[in-house]
Amino acid sequence: MAPFRAKKLDLGCFVNVMTMRDHTKRKVFAENEVERQALRYITRNTTLPQRVRAQAQLQLTQMNCYTRYTQIKNRCVMGGKGRGVLKDFRMSRFQFRINALRANLPGVKKANW
């Protein structure tokens, strides 16, 4: 993991090991996304020779696991929590509630019925 450590963390939330690791995974994924998509396209293209497809598959398996999209976890941008995160706002339930009550989120207000 050391060669993938970001030089500068541009995080606006509480920083702990899990937040730093997730930040690193996002950066590595963004850097290698195009190459990974190209290799996946080559492996799935049946019109190409089998040898080329096998080489592309081998390159895919040798890539670091941080280049996969499934390694990225949704985390709260305010507190860094990994559970109870609302996708639309990228906030945990608790932070969402606090910001909504303070009217910091446009278009969100407490429901009354």
N, C-alpha and C. Protein backbone atom coordinates (compact mmCIF):
# COMPACT_ATOMS: atom_id res chain seq x y z
N MET A 1 0.81 -1.19 0.00
CA MET A 1 0.00 0.00 0.00
C MET A 1 0.86 1.25 0.00
N ALA A 2 2.11 1.17 0.41
CA ALA A 2 2.98 2.33 0.50
C ALA A 2 3.15 3.07 -0.82
N PRO A 3 3.34 2.39 -1.97
CA PRO A 3 3.53 3.16 -3.20
C PRO A 3 2.27 3.89 -3.64
N PHE A 4 1.13 3.54 -3.10
CA PHE A 4 -0.11 4.18 -3.50
C PHE A 4 -0.51 5.31 -2.56
N ARG A 5 0.25 5.54 -1.49
CA ARG A 5 -0.11 6.57 -0.52
C ARG A 5 -0.09 7.94 -1.18
N ALA A 6 -1.14 8.70 -1.01
CA ALA A 6 -1.23 10.02 -1.61
C ALA A 6 -0.26 10.97 -0.92
N LYS A 7 0.35 11.86 -1.68
CA LYS A 7 1.30 12.81 -1.11
C LYS A 7 0.59 13.83 -0.23
N LYS A 8 -0.57 14.29 -0.68
CA LYS A 8 -1.32 15.28 0.07
C LYS A 8 -2.76 14.82 0.16
N LEU A 9 -3.28 14.80 1.37
CA LEU A 9 -4.68 14.40 1.56
C LEU A 9 -5.55 15.63 1.50
N ASP A 10 -6.46 15.67 0.53
CA ASP A 10 -7.38 16.79 0.42
C ASP A 10 -8.75 16.35 0.94
N LEU A 11 -8.76 15.96 2.20
CA LEU A 11 -9.98 15.49 2.84
C LEU A 11 -10.54 16.59 3.71
N GLY A 12 -11.86 16.69 3.72
CA GLY A 12 -12.50 17.70 4.56
C GLY A 12 -13.18 17.09 5.77
N CYS A 13 -12.85 15.88 6.11
CA CYS A 13 -13.53 15.20 7.20
C CYS A 13 -12.53 14.69 8.22
N PHE A 14 -13.04 14.02 9.22
CA PHE A 14 -12.20 13.41 10.24
C PHE A 14 -11.31 12.37 9.57
N VAL A 15 -10.02 12.44 9.83
CA VAL A 15 -9.07 11.56 9.16
C VAL A 15 -8.65 10.44 10.11
N ASN A 16 -8.93 9.21 9.69
CA ASN A 16 -8.41 8.05 10.39
C ASN A 16 -7.87 7.09 9.33
N VAL A 17 -7.43 5.92 9.75
CA VAL A 17 -6.80 4.98 8.83
C VAL A 17 -7.77 4.56 7.73
N MET A 18 -9.02 4.29 8.08
CA MET A 18 -9.99 3.82 7.09
C MET A 18 -10.29 4.91 6.05
N THR A 19 -10.38 6.15 6.50
CA THR A 19 -10.64 7.26 5.59
C THR A 19 -9.46 7.47 4.64
N MET A 20 -8.25 7.37 5.18
CA MET A 20 -7.06 7.52 4.33
C MET A 20 -6.98 6.40 3.31
N ARG A 21 -7.30 5.17 3.73
CA ARG A 21 -7.25 4.04 2.82
C ARG A 21 -8.29 4.19 1.72
N ASP A 22 -9.49 4.64 2.08
CA ASP A 22 -10.54 4.83 1.08
C ASP A 22 -10.14 5.94 0.11
N HIS A 23 -9.55 6.99 0.61
CA HIS A 23 -9.09 8.09 -0.24
C HIS A 23 -8.04 7.59 -1.23
N THR A 24 -7.13 6.76 -0.75
CA THR A 24 -6.09 6.19 -1.61
C THR A 24 -6.71 5.31 -2.68
N LYS A 25 -7.69 4.48 -2.28
CA LYS A 25 -8.35 3.60 -3.25
C LYS A 25 -9.04 4.39 -4.34
N ARG A 26 -9.69 5.49 -3.97
CA ARG A 26 -10.37 6.32 -4.96
C ARG A 26 -9.39 6.94 -5.95
N LYS A 27 -8.26 7.41 -5.45
CA LYS A 27 -7.25 8.02 -6.33
C LYS A 27 -6.66 7.00 -7.29
N VAL A 28 -6.32 5.82 -6.77
CA VAL A 28 -5.72 4.77 -7.61
C VAL A 28 -6.72 4.30 -8.66
N PHE A 29 -8.00 4.16 -8.26
CA PHE A 29 -9.03 3.75 -9.21
C PHE A 29 -9.18 4.78 -10.32
N ALA A 30 -9.19 6.06 -9.96
CA ALA A 30 -9.35 7.10 -10.97
C ALA A 30 -8.18 7.12 -11.96
N GLU A 31 -6.97 6.85 -11.46
CA GLU A 31 -5.80 6.86 -12.33
C GLU A 31 -5.79 5.70 -13.31
N ASN A 32 -6.30 4.54 -12.89
CA ASN A 32 -6.21 3.32 -13.71
C ASN A 32 -7.52 2.91 -14.36
N GLU A 33 -8.55 3.74 -14.27
CA GLU A 33 -9.87 3.34 -14.77
C GLU A 33 -9.88 3.11 -16.28
N VAL A 34 -9.26 3.99 -17.04
CA VAL A 34 -9.28 3.89 -18.50
C VAL A 34 -8.54 2.63 -18.96
N GLU A 35 -7.38 2.39 -18.38
CA GLU A 35 -6.60 1.20 -18.76
C GLU A 35 -7.36 -0.08 -18.43
N ARG A 36 -7.99 -0.09 -17.26
CA ARG A 36 -8.74 -1.28 -16.84
C ARG A 36 -9.94 -1.53 -17.76
N GLN A 37 -10.65 -0.48 -18.16
CA GLN A 37 -11.78 -0.64 -19.07
C GLN A 37 -11.33 -1.16 -20.43
N ALA A 38 -10.19 -0.67 -20.90
CA ALA A 38 -9.67 -1.13 -22.20
C ALA A 38 -9.32 -2.61 -22.14
N LEU A 39 -8.67 -3.03 -21.07
CA LEU A 39 -8.32 -4.44 -20.93
C LEU A 39 -9.56 -5.32 -20.82
N ARG A 40 -10.56 -4.84 -20.11
CA ARG A 40 -11.80 -5.61 -19.99
C ARG A 40 -12.51 -5.73 -21.34
N TYR A 41 -12.46 -4.66 -22.14
CA TYR A 41 -13.06 -4.71 -23.47
C TYR A 41 -12.34 -5.74 -24.34
N ILE A 42 -11.01 -5.76 -24.26
CA ILE A 42 -10.23 -6.71 -25.06
C ILE A 42 -10.55 -8.15 -24.66
N THR A 43 -10.65 -8.42 -23.37
CA THR A 43 -10.92 -9.79 -22.93
C THR A 43 -12.30 -10.27 -23.34
N ARG A 44 -13.23 -9.35 -23.47
CA ARG A 44 -14.61 -9.75 -23.82
C ARG A 44 -14.89 -9.76 -25.32
N ASN A 45 -13.98 -9.20 -26.10
CA ASN A 45 -14.18 -9.12 -27.55
C ASN A 45 -13.84 -10.48 -28.18
N THR A 46 -14.84 -11.17 -28.68
CA THR A 46 -14.63 -12.52 -29.22
C THR A 46 -14.04 -12.51 -30.63
N THR A 47 -13.99 -11.36 -31.29
CA THR A 47 -13.42 -11.31 -32.64
C THR A 47 -11.90 -11.27 -32.61
N LEU A 48 -11.32 -10.94 -31.47
CA LEU A 48 -9.86 -10.90 -31.36
C LEU A 48 -9.30 -12.30 -31.17
N PRO A 49 -8.02 -12.51 -31.50
CA PRO A 49 -7.40 -13.83 -31.31
C PRO A 49 -7.35 -14.20 -29.82
N GLN A 50 -7.38 -15.49 -29.59
CA GLN A 50 -7.40 -15.99 -28.20
C GLN A 50 -6.14 -15.58 -27.43
N ARG A 51 -5.02 -15.52 -28.12
CA ARG A 51 -3.75 -15.17 -27.46
C ARG A 51 -3.80 -13.73 -26.92
N VAL A 52 -4.31 -12.82 -27.71
CA VAL A 52 -4.42 -11.41 -27.29
C VAL A 52 -5.35 -11.29 -26.09
N ARG A 53 -6.46 -11.99 -26.17
CA ARG A 53 -7.43 -11.95 -25.06
C ARG A 53 -6.83 -12.52 -23.78
N ALA A 54 -6.04 -13.59 -23.92
CA ALA A 54 -5.41 -14.19 -22.74
C ALA A 54 -4.37 -13.26 -22.13
N GLN A 55 -3.62 -12.55 -22.96
CA GLN A 55 -2.64 -11.60 -22.45
C GLN A 55 -3.32 -10.45 -21.71
N ALA A 56 -4.43 -9.98 -22.25
CA ALA A 56 -5.17 -8.90 -21.58
C ALA A 56 -5.72 -9.38 -20.24
N GLN A 57 -6.20 -10.61 -20.21
CA GLN A 57 -6.72 -11.17 -18.96
C GLN A 57 -5.60 -11.30 -17.93
N LEU A 58 -4.42 -11.69 -18.37
CA LEU A 58 -3.27 -11.81 -17.47
C LEU A 58 -2.87 -10.45 -16.90
N GLN A 59 -2.89 -9.42 -17.75
CA GLN A 59 -2.58 -8.08 -17.27
C GLN A 59 -3.63 -7.60 -16.26
N LEU A 60 -4.88 -7.95 -16.50
CA LEU A 60 -5.94 -7.57 -15.56
C LEU A 60 -5.73 -8.20 -14.19
N THR A 61 -5.36 -9.47 -14.20
CA THR A 61 -5.18 -10.16 -12.92
C THR A 61 -3.95 -9.67 -12.18
N GLN A 62 -2.98 -9.13 -12.88
CA GLN A 62 -1.77 -8.64 -12.24
C GLN A 62 -1.90 -7.21 -11.73
N MET A 63 -2.98 -6.52 -12.10
CA MET A 63 -3.20 -5.16 -11.59
C MET A 63 -3.53 -5.22 -10.11
N ASN A 64 -3.21 -4.13 -9.42
CA ASN A 64 -3.47 -4.05 -7.99
C ASN A 64 -4.97 -4.10 -7.71
N CYS A 65 -5.33 -4.61 -6.55
CA CYS A 65 -6.76 -4.74 -6.21
C CYS A 65 -7.41 -3.37 -6.01
N TYR A 66 -6.62 -2.33 -5.72
CA TYR A 66 -7.19 -1.00 -5.53
C TYR A 66 -7.70 -0.40 -6.84
N THR A 67 -7.38 -1.00 -7.97
CA THR A 67 -7.86 -0.48 -9.25
C THR A 67 -9.28 -0.93 -9.55
N ARG A 68 -9.85 -1.79 -8.70
CA ARG A 68 -11.21 -2.27 -8.91
C ARG A 68 -12.23 -1.32 -8.29
N TYR A 69 -13.37 -1.20 -8.96
CA TYR A 69 -14.43 -0.32 -8.46
C TYR A 69 -15.05 -0.88 -7.18
N THR A 70 -15.05 -2.18 -7.02
CA THR A 70 -15.70 -2.78 -5.85
C THR A 70 -14.95 -2.52 -4.56
N GLN A 71 -13.72 -2.04 -4.65
CA GLN A 71 -12.94 -1.74 -3.46
C GLN A 71 -13.36 -0.43 -2.81
N ILE A 72 -14.04 0.43 -3.56
CA ILE A 72 -14.42 1.74 -3.05
C ILE A 72 -15.67 1.62 -2.19
N LYS A 73 -15.63 2.26 -1.03
CA LYS A 73 -16.75 2.22 -0.10
C LYS A 73 -17.28 3.64 0.08
N ASN A 74 -18.60 3.75 0.14
CA ASN A 74 -19.19 5.06 0.38
C ASN A 74 -18.89 5.48 1.82
N ARG A 75 -18.36 6.67 1.98
CA ARG A 75 -18.05 7.21 3.30
C ARG A 75 -18.63 8.61 3.42
N CYS A 76 -18.94 8.98 4.64
CA CYS A 76 -19.48 10.31 4.93
C CYS A 76 -18.39 11.35 4.69
N VAL A 77 -18.72 12.43 3.97
CA VAL A 77 -17.74 13.47 3.70
C VAL A 77 -17.53 14.36 4.92
N MET A 78 -18.44 14.34 5.85
CA MET A 78 -18.32 15.18 7.05
C MET A 78 -17.57 14.46 8.17
N GLY A 79 -17.94 13.21 8.44
CA GLY A 79 -17.37 12.52 9.58
C GLY A 79 -16.52 11.32 9.23
N GLY A 80 -16.58 10.84 8.01
CA GLY A 80 -15.78 9.70 7.61
C GLY A 80 -16.39 8.36 7.96
N LYS A 81 -17.65 8.34 8.44
CA LYS A 81 -18.28 7.07 8.80
C LYS A 81 -18.56 6.24 7.55
N GLY A 82 -18.55 4.92 7.73
CA GLY A 82 -18.76 4.03 6.60
C GLY A 82 -20.12 3.36 6.61
N ARG A 83 -20.90 3.59 7.64
CA ARG A 83 -22.22 2.96 7.71
C ARG A 83 -23.31 4.02 7.73
N GLY A 84 -24.45 3.66 7.17
CA GLY A 84 -25.60 4.57 7.18
C GLY A 84 -25.36 5.80 6.33
N VAL A 85 -24.71 5.65 5.19
CA VAL A 85 -24.40 6.78 4.33
C VAL A 85 -25.47 6.91 3.25
N LEU A 86 -26.03 8.11 3.11
CA LEU A 86 -27.01 8.38 2.07
C LEU A 86 -26.26 8.74 0.79
N LYS A 87 -26.52 8.00 -0.28
CA LYS A 87 -25.76 8.16 -1.52
C LYS A 87 -25.92 9.55 -2.12
N ASP A 88 -27.14 10.08 -2.12
CA ASP A 88 -27.39 11.35 -2.79
C ASP A 88 -26.61 12.51 -2.16
N PHE A 89 -26.41 12.46 -0.85
CA PHE A 89 -25.76 13.55 -0.15
C PHE A 89 -24.35 13.21 0.32
N ARG A 90 -23.96 11.93 0.23
CA ARG A 90 -22.67 11.44 0.72
C ARG A 90 -22.44 11.82 2.17
N MET A 91 -23.52 11.69 2.97
CA MET A 91 -23.45 11.98 4.39
C MET A 91 -24.06 10.84 5.17
N SER A 92 -23.58 10.68 6.40
CA SER A 92 -24.20 9.69 7.27
C SER A 92 -25.57 10.19 7.71
N ARG A 93 -26.36 9.29 8.25
CA ARG A 93 -27.72 9.66 8.67
C ARG A 93 -27.68 10.79 9.70
N PHE A 94 -26.77 10.68 10.64
CA PHE A 94 -26.69 11.66 11.71
C PHE A 94 -26.29 13.04 11.18
N GLN A 95 -25.26 13.10 10.34
CA GLN A 95 -24.83 14.37 9.76
C GLN A 95 -25.91 14.96 8.86
N PHE A 96 -26.61 14.10 8.13
CA PHE A 96 -27.71 14.57 7.29
C PHE A 96 -28.79 15.24 8.13
N ARG A 97 -29.12 14.61 9.24
CA ARG A 97 -30.17 15.15 10.12
C ARG A 97 -29.75 16.50 10.69
N ILE A 98 -28.52 16.60 11.16
CA ILE A 98 -28.02 17.85 11.73
C ILE A 98 -28.04 18.96 10.69
N ASN A 99 -27.52 18.69 9.50
CA ASN A 99 -27.46 19.71 8.45
C ASN A 99 -28.84 20.08 7.92
N ALA A 100 -29.75 19.12 7.89
CA ALA A 100 -31.11 19.42 7.43
C ALA A 100 -31.83 20.31 8.44
N LEU A 101 -31.67 20.06 9.72
CA LEU A 101 -32.32 20.87 10.75
C LEU A 101 -31.73 22.29 10.79
N ARG A 102 -30.47 22.44 10.46
CA ARG A 102 -29.84 23.76 10.42
C ARG A 102 -30.10 24.48 9.09
N ALA A 103 -30.81 23.82 8.17
CA ALA A 103 -31.13 24.34 6.84
C ALA A 103 -29.87 24.57 6.01
N ASN A 104 -28.89 23.71 6.15
CA ASN A 104 -27.66 23.79 5.35
C ASN A 104 -27.78 23.03 4.04
N LEU A 105 -28.82 22.20 3.90
CA LEU A 105 -29.02 21.43 2.68
C LEU A 105 -30.17 22.05 1.88
N PRO A 106 -29.90 22.57 0.68
CA PRO A 106 -30.96 23.20 -0.09
C PRO A 106 -32.00 22.18 -0.56
N GLY A 107 -33.24 22.53 -0.41
CA GLY A 107 -34.33 21.68 -0.86
C GLY A 107 -34.75 20.60 0.13
N VAL A 108 -34.15 20.59 1.30
CA VAL A 108 -34.48 19.57 2.31
C VAL A 108 -35.08 20.27 3.51
N LYS A 109 -36.25 19.80 3.94
CA LYS A 109 -36.83 20.35 5.15
C LYS A 109 -37.56 19.23 5.88
N LYS A 110 -37.82 19.46 7.13
CA LYS A 110 -38.48 18.45 7.96
C LYS A 110 -39.91 18.26 7.49
N ALA A 111 -40.31 17.00 7.38
CA ALA A 111 -41.66 16.70 6.91
C ALA A 111 -42.66 16.76 8.07
N ASN A 112 -43.82 17.31 7.79
CA ASN A 112 -44.92 17.34 8.76
C ASN A 112 -46.17 16.81 8.09
N TRP A 113 -46.80 15.85 8.71
CA TRP A 113 -48.08 15.35 8.19
C TRP A 113 -48.94 14.83 9.29
